[in-house]
Amino acid sequence: MHRDYDDFKFLSLIINWTDVTKENGATKFICSSHARLLNSHKQEELITYLTGPAGSVYLADTYGLHSGTPVIRGYRVVTWARYGRLINAATLQDKFMQTPIFNN
């Protein structure tokens, strides 16, 4: 389980191009974990899986705890697109932004 730390305000758009089930790697998400800390027993009660037929779409706050699940059978094809500020914590960490070089 992990959080995406892109910024304080961002969303992830997830498009399923194939049918997605728990058996072919659906994303596991803990509801409300973006807004508060939860003990481990409460987390188990709030788990949901982003499953659905080909063409289904989700908007998710992936600052919430989430992970992939093991592929038991088949495969999945999905697209994730992030909506947020271009310059954010992740772009600095991933070295997308660089320190300007000034020539005298």
N, C-alpha and C. Protein backbone atom coordinates (compact mmCIF):
# COMPACT_ATOMS: atom_id res chain seq x y z
N MET A 1 0.86 -1.18 0.00
CA MET A 1 0.00 0.00 0.00
C MET A 1 0.89 1.23 0.00
N HIS A 2 0.48 2.23 -0.75
CA HIS A 2 1.25 3.46 -0.80
C HIS A 2 0.32 4.62 -1.13
N ARG A 3 0.87 5.82 -1.04
CA ARG A 3 0.19 7.05 -1.41
C ARG A 3 0.97 7.70 -2.55
N ASP A 4 0.27 8.39 -3.44
CA ASP A 4 0.95 9.22 -4.44
C ASP A 4 1.04 10.63 -3.86
N TYR A 5 2.23 11.19 -3.88
CA TYR A 5 2.47 12.48 -3.24
C TYR A 5 2.65 13.60 -4.27
N ASP A 6 1.90 13.57 -5.35
CA ASP A 6 2.09 14.58 -6.38
C ASP A 6 1.91 15.99 -5.83
N ASP A 7 0.84 16.21 -5.13
CA ASP A 7 0.54 17.55 -4.64
C ASP A 7 -0.60 17.44 -3.64
N PHE A 8 -1.01 18.57 -3.10
CA PHE A 8 -2.14 18.57 -2.18
C PHE A 8 -3.46 18.50 -2.94
N LYS A 9 -3.47 18.97 -4.18
CA LYS A 9 -4.69 18.97 -4.98
C LYS A 9 -4.40 18.33 -6.33
N PHE A 10 -4.79 17.08 -6.49
CA PHE A 10 -4.65 16.39 -7.77
C PHE A 10 -5.62 15.22 -7.79
N LEU A 11 -5.96 14.77 -8.97
CA LEU A 11 -6.83 13.61 -9.14
C LEU A 11 -6.21 12.69 -10.18
N SER A 12 -6.51 11.42 -10.08
CA SER A 12 -6.10 10.45 -11.08
C SER A 12 -7.34 9.94 -11.81
N LEU A 13 -7.28 9.96 -13.13
CA LEU A 13 -8.34 9.42 -13.98
C LEU A 13 -7.88 8.03 -14.40
N ILE A 14 -8.70 7.02 -14.16
CA ILE A 14 -8.35 5.64 -14.49
C ILE A 14 -9.38 5.13 -15.49
N ILE A 15 -8.91 4.68 -16.66
CA ILE A 15 -9.78 4.15 -17.71
C ILE A 15 -9.45 2.67 -17.89
N ASN A 16 -10.45 1.82 -17.77
CA ASN A 16 -10.27 0.38 -18.00
C ASN A 16 -10.50 0.08 -19.48
N TRP A 17 -9.50 -0.41 -20.17
CA TRP A 17 -9.63 -0.77 -21.58
C TRP A 17 -10.02 -2.24 -21.73
N THR A 18 -9.81 -3.03 -20.68
CA THR A 18 -10.25 -4.42 -20.63
C THR A 18 -11.09 -4.59 -19.38
N ASP A 19 -11.82 -5.69 -19.30
CA ASP A 19 -12.55 -5.98 -18.07
C ASP A 19 -11.54 -6.13 -16.93
N VAL A 20 -11.81 -5.49 -15.80
CA VAL A 20 -10.89 -5.54 -14.66
C VAL A 20 -11.60 -6.20 -13.49
N THR A 21 -10.94 -7.21 -12.94
CA THR A 21 -11.48 -7.96 -11.80
C THR A 21 -10.40 -8.10 -10.73
N LYS A 22 -10.78 -8.64 -9.59
CA LYS A 22 -9.78 -8.91 -8.54
C LYS A 22 -8.74 -9.92 -9.01
N GLU A 23 -9.09 -10.76 -9.99
CA GLU A 23 -8.18 -11.80 -10.45
C GLU A 23 -7.15 -11.32 -11.46
N ASN A 24 -7.36 -10.16 -12.08
CA ASN A 24 -6.38 -9.71 -13.08
C ASN A 24 -5.72 -8.38 -12.73
N GLY A 25 -5.61 -8.09 -11.44
CA GLY A 25 -4.78 -6.96 -11.01
C GLY A 25 -5.50 -5.67 -10.71
N ALA A 26 -6.75 -5.73 -10.31
CA ALA A 26 -7.49 -4.50 -9.97
C ALA A 26 -6.76 -3.70 -8.90
N THR A 27 -6.93 -2.39 -8.95
CA THR A 27 -6.37 -1.52 -7.92
C THR A 27 -7.19 -1.66 -6.65
N LYS A 28 -6.51 -1.86 -5.51
CA LYS A 28 -7.15 -1.94 -4.21
C LYS A 28 -7.03 -0.56 -3.57
N PHE A 29 -8.12 -0.03 -3.03
CA PHE A 29 -8.16 1.32 -2.49
C PHE A 29 -8.83 1.28 -1.12
N ILE A 30 -8.27 2.01 -0.16
CA ILE A 30 -8.89 2.11 1.17
C ILE A 30 -9.67 3.42 1.23
N CYS A 31 -10.97 3.30 1.24
CA CYS A 31 -11.85 4.47 1.24
C CYS A 31 -11.57 5.36 2.45
N SER A 32 -11.61 6.65 2.24
CA SER A 32 -11.42 7.69 3.26
C SER A 32 -10.00 7.80 3.78
N SER A 33 -9.06 7.01 3.28
CA SER A 33 -7.70 7.07 3.80
C SER A 33 -6.96 8.32 3.34
N HIS A 34 -7.49 9.05 2.37
CA HIS A 34 -6.88 10.32 1.96
C HIS A 34 -7.16 11.42 2.98
N ALA A 35 -8.18 11.23 3.79
CA ALA A 35 -8.62 12.30 4.68
C ALA A 35 -8.29 12.07 6.15
N ARG A 36 -7.93 10.84 6.52
CA ARG A 36 -7.68 10.58 7.94
C ARG A 36 -6.82 9.34 8.10
N LEU A 37 -6.24 9.22 9.28
CA LEU A 37 -5.46 8.03 9.61
C LEU A 37 -6.41 6.95 10.13
N LEU A 38 -6.17 5.73 9.72
CA LEU A 38 -7.04 4.63 10.12
C LEU A 38 -6.20 3.53 10.76
N ASN A 39 -6.75 2.88 11.78
CA ASN A 39 -6.02 1.73 12.33
C ASN A 39 -6.18 0.55 11.37
N SER A 40 -5.34 -0.45 11.52
CA SER A 40 -5.30 -1.55 10.55
C SER A 40 -6.61 -2.34 10.50
N HIS A 41 -7.32 -2.45 11.60
CA HIS A 41 -8.60 -3.17 11.59
C HIS A 41 -9.64 -2.40 10.79
N LYS A 42 -9.67 -1.10 10.93
CA LYS A 42 -10.62 -0.27 10.19
C LYS A 42 -10.29 -0.29 8.70
N GLN A 43 -9.01 -0.33 8.35
CA GLN A 43 -8.61 -0.36 6.94
C GLN A 43 -9.22 -1.55 6.22
N GLU A 44 -9.19 -2.71 6.82
CA GLU A 44 -9.73 -3.92 6.18
C GLU A 44 -11.21 -3.75 5.84
N GLU A 45 -11.96 -3.06 6.70
CA GLU A 45 -13.39 -2.86 6.48
C GLU A 45 -13.66 -1.90 5.33
N LEU A 46 -12.70 -1.01 5.03
CA LEU A 46 -12.92 0.04 4.04
C LEU A 46 -12.28 -0.24 2.68
N ILE A 47 -11.76 -1.44 2.47
CA ILE A 47 -11.13 -1.76 1.19
C ILE A 47 -12.18 -1.90 0.10
N THR A 48 -11.90 -1.28 -1.04
CA THR A 48 -12.72 -1.46 -2.23
C THR A 48 -11.78 -1.73 -3.39
N TYR A 49 -12.27 -2.39 -4.41
CA TYR A 49 -11.48 -2.72 -5.59
C TYR A 49 -12.04 -1.97 -6.78
N LEU A 50 -11.17 -1.34 -7.55
CA LEU A 50 -11.60 -0.59 -8.72
C LEU A 50 -11.74 -1.57 -9.89
N THR A 51 -12.85 -2.29 -9.89
CA THR A 51 -13.15 -3.27 -10.92
C THR A 51 -14.22 -2.72 -11.84
N GLY A 52 -14.34 -3.32 -13.01
CA GLY A 52 -15.41 -2.91 -13.90
C GLY A 52 -15.18 -3.40 -15.31
N PRO A 53 -16.20 -3.27 -16.14
CA PRO A 53 -16.07 -3.73 -17.53
C PRO A 53 -15.18 -2.78 -18.34
N ALA A 54 -14.75 -3.24 -19.48
CA ALA A 54 -13.97 -2.39 -20.39
C ALA A 54 -14.77 -1.11 -20.65
N GLY A 55 -14.09 0.03 -20.58
CA GLY A 55 -14.75 1.31 -20.78
C GLY A 55 -15.15 2.01 -19.51
N SER A 56 -15.08 1.33 -18.37
CA SER A 56 -15.43 2.00 -17.11
C SER A 56 -14.31 2.97 -16.73
N VAL A 57 -14.71 4.03 -16.04
CA VAL A 57 -13.79 5.12 -15.71
C VAL A 57 -13.94 5.47 -14.24
N TYR A 58 -12.81 5.78 -13.59
CA TYR A 58 -12.81 6.20 -12.19
C TYR A 58 -12.02 7.49 -12.04
N LEU A 59 -12.45 8.34 -11.14
CA LEU A 59 -11.66 9.46 -10.66
C LEU A 59 -11.29 9.12 -9.22
N ALA A 60 -10.00 9.15 -8.91
CA ALA A 60 -9.57 8.76 -7.58
C ALA A 60 -8.58 9.77 -7.02
N ASP A 61 -8.67 10.00 -5.73
CA ASP A 61 -7.67 10.78 -5.00
C ASP A 61 -6.63 9.77 -4.55
N THR A 62 -5.57 9.61 -5.33
CA THR A 62 -4.59 8.57 -5.05
C THR A 62 -3.58 8.97 -3.97
N TYR A 63 -3.88 10.07 -3.26
CA TYR A 63 -3.19 10.31 -2.00
C TYR A 63 -3.71 9.29 -0.99
N GLY A 64 -4.91 8.78 -1.21
CA GLY A 64 -5.45 7.71 -0.38
C GLY A 64 -4.64 6.44 -0.58
N LEU A 65 -4.60 5.60 0.44
CA LEU A 65 -3.82 4.37 0.36
C LEU A 65 -4.38 3.45 -0.72
N HIS A 66 -3.49 2.95 -1.58
CA HIS A 66 -3.89 2.06 -2.66
C HIS A 66 -2.72 1.17 -3.08
N SER A 67 -3.04 0.14 -3.83
CA SER A 67 -2.00 -0.74 -4.37
C SER A 67 -2.60 -1.56 -5.50
N GLY A 68 -1.73 -2.14 -6.28
CA GLY A 68 -2.17 -3.12 -7.25
C GLY A 68 -2.42 -4.43 -6.53
N THR A 69 -3.08 -5.36 -7.20
CA THR A 69 -3.30 -6.69 -6.65
C THR A 69 -2.63 -7.70 -7.56
N PRO A 70 -2.28 -8.86 -7.05
CA PRO A 70 -1.60 -9.86 -7.87
C PRO A 70 -2.48 -10.32 -9.04
N VAL A 71 -1.85 -10.56 -10.18
CA VAL A 71 -2.56 -11.11 -11.33
C VAL A 71 -2.60 -12.62 -11.17
N ILE A 72 -3.79 -13.14 -10.99
CA ILE A 72 -3.98 -14.58 -10.83
C ILE A 72 -4.30 -15.22 -12.19
N ARG A 73 -5.10 -14.49 -12.98
CA ARG A 73 -5.53 -15.02 -14.27
C ARG A 73 -5.77 -13.86 -15.22
N GLY A 74 -5.34 -14.01 -16.47
CA GLY A 74 -5.60 -13.01 -17.49
C GLY A 74 -4.66 -11.81 -17.40
N TYR A 75 -5.15 -10.67 -17.83
CA TYR A 75 -4.37 -9.43 -17.83
C TYR A 75 -5.34 -8.26 -17.79
N ARG A 76 -4.80 -7.08 -17.52
CA ARG A 76 -5.61 -5.86 -17.56
C ARG A 76 -4.85 -4.79 -18.32
N VAL A 77 -5.60 -3.95 -19.00
CA VAL A 77 -5.02 -2.80 -19.68
C VAL A 77 -5.78 -1.58 -19.20
N VAL A 78 -5.06 -0.64 -18.59
CA VAL A 78 -5.67 0.58 -18.07
C VAL A 78 -4.79 1.78 -18.42
N THR A 79 -5.39 2.94 -18.42
CA THR A 79 -4.66 4.20 -18.56
C THR A 79 -4.90 5.02 -17.31
N TRP A 80 -3.81 5.56 -16.76
CA TRP A 80 -3.91 6.48 -15.64
C TRP A 80 -3.45 7.85 -16.14
N ALA A 81 -4.25 8.86 -15.88
CA ALA A 81 -3.86 10.24 -16.20
C ALA A 81 -4.01 11.06 -14.93
N ARG A 82 -3.01 11.88 -14.65
CA ARG A 82 -3.04 12.71 -13.45
C ARG A 82 -3.43 14.13 -13.83
N TYR A 83 -4.29 14.71 -13.03
CA TYR A 83 -4.69 16.10 -13.20
C TYR A 83 -4.27 16.87 -11.97
N GLY A 84 -3.44 17.87 -12.16
CA GLY A 84 -2.95 18.68 -11.06
C GLY A 84 -2.00 19.73 -11.60
N ARG A 85 -1.26 20.34 -10.73
CA ARG A 85 -0.29 21.35 -11.16
C ARG A 85 0.91 20.69 -11.81
N LEU A 86 1.43 21.31 -12.86
CA LEU A 86 2.59 20.77 -13.55
C LEU A 86 3.81 20.73 -12.63
N ILE A 87 4.04 21.81 -11.91
CA ILE A 87 5.16 21.86 -10.98
C ILE A 87 4.63 21.48 -9.61
N ASN A 88 5.09 20.35 -9.08
CA ASN A 88 4.62 19.87 -7.79
C ASN A 88 5.72 19.07 -7.12
N ALA A 89 5.44 18.50 -5.97
CA ALA A 89 6.46 17.76 -5.21
C ALA A 89 7.04 16.61 -6.02
N ALA A 90 6.22 15.90 -6.78
CA ALA A 90 6.71 14.75 -7.55
C ALA A 90 7.63 15.19 -8.69
N THR A 91 7.34 16.30 -9.34
CA THR A 91 8.21 16.73 -10.44
C THR A 91 9.57 17.14 -9.92
N LEU A 92 9.61 17.69 -8.72
CA LEU A 92 10.90 18.04 -8.13
C LEU A 92 11.66 16.79 -7.72
N GLN A 93 10.97 15.84 -7.13
CA GLN A 93 11.60 14.60 -6.68
C GLN A 93 12.09 13.77 -7.86
N ASP A 94 11.29 13.73 -8.95
CA ASP A 94 11.65 12.93 -10.13
C ASP A 94 12.62 13.65 -11.06
N LYS A 95 13.05 14.85 -10.67
CA LYS A 95 14.01 15.65 -11.42
C LYS A 95 13.49 16.12 -12.78
N PHE A 96 12.14 16.24 -12.89
CA PHE A 96 11.55 16.85 -14.07
C PHE A 96 11.96 18.32 -14.13
N MET A 97 11.99 18.96 -12.95
CA MET A 97 12.43 20.35 -12.84
C MET A 97 13.92 20.36 -12.52
N GLN A 98 14.64 21.26 -13.13
CA GLN A 98 16.06 21.37 -12.86
C GLN A 98 16.39 22.80 -12.46
N THR A 99 17.45 22.94 -11.72
CA THR A 99 17.93 24.26 -11.34
C THR A 99 18.43 24.99 -12.58
N PRO A 100 17.97 26.20 -12.81
CA PRO A 100 18.44 26.93 -14.00
C PRO A 100 19.93 27.21 -13.90
N ILE A 101 20.58 27.20 -15.04
CA ILE A 101 22.01 27.52 -15.12
C ILE A 101 22.13 28.93 -15.70
N PHE A 102 22.77 29.79 -14.96
CA PHE A 102 22.94 31.17 -15.41
C PHE A 102 24.35 31.35 -15.96
N ASN A 103 24.41 31.85 -17.15
CA ASN A 103 25.72 32.16 -17.76
C ASN A 103 25.99 33.64 -17.58
N ASN A 104 27.18 33.98 -17.13
CA ASN A 104 27.54 35.38 -16.96
C ASN A 104 28.18 35.90 -18.21
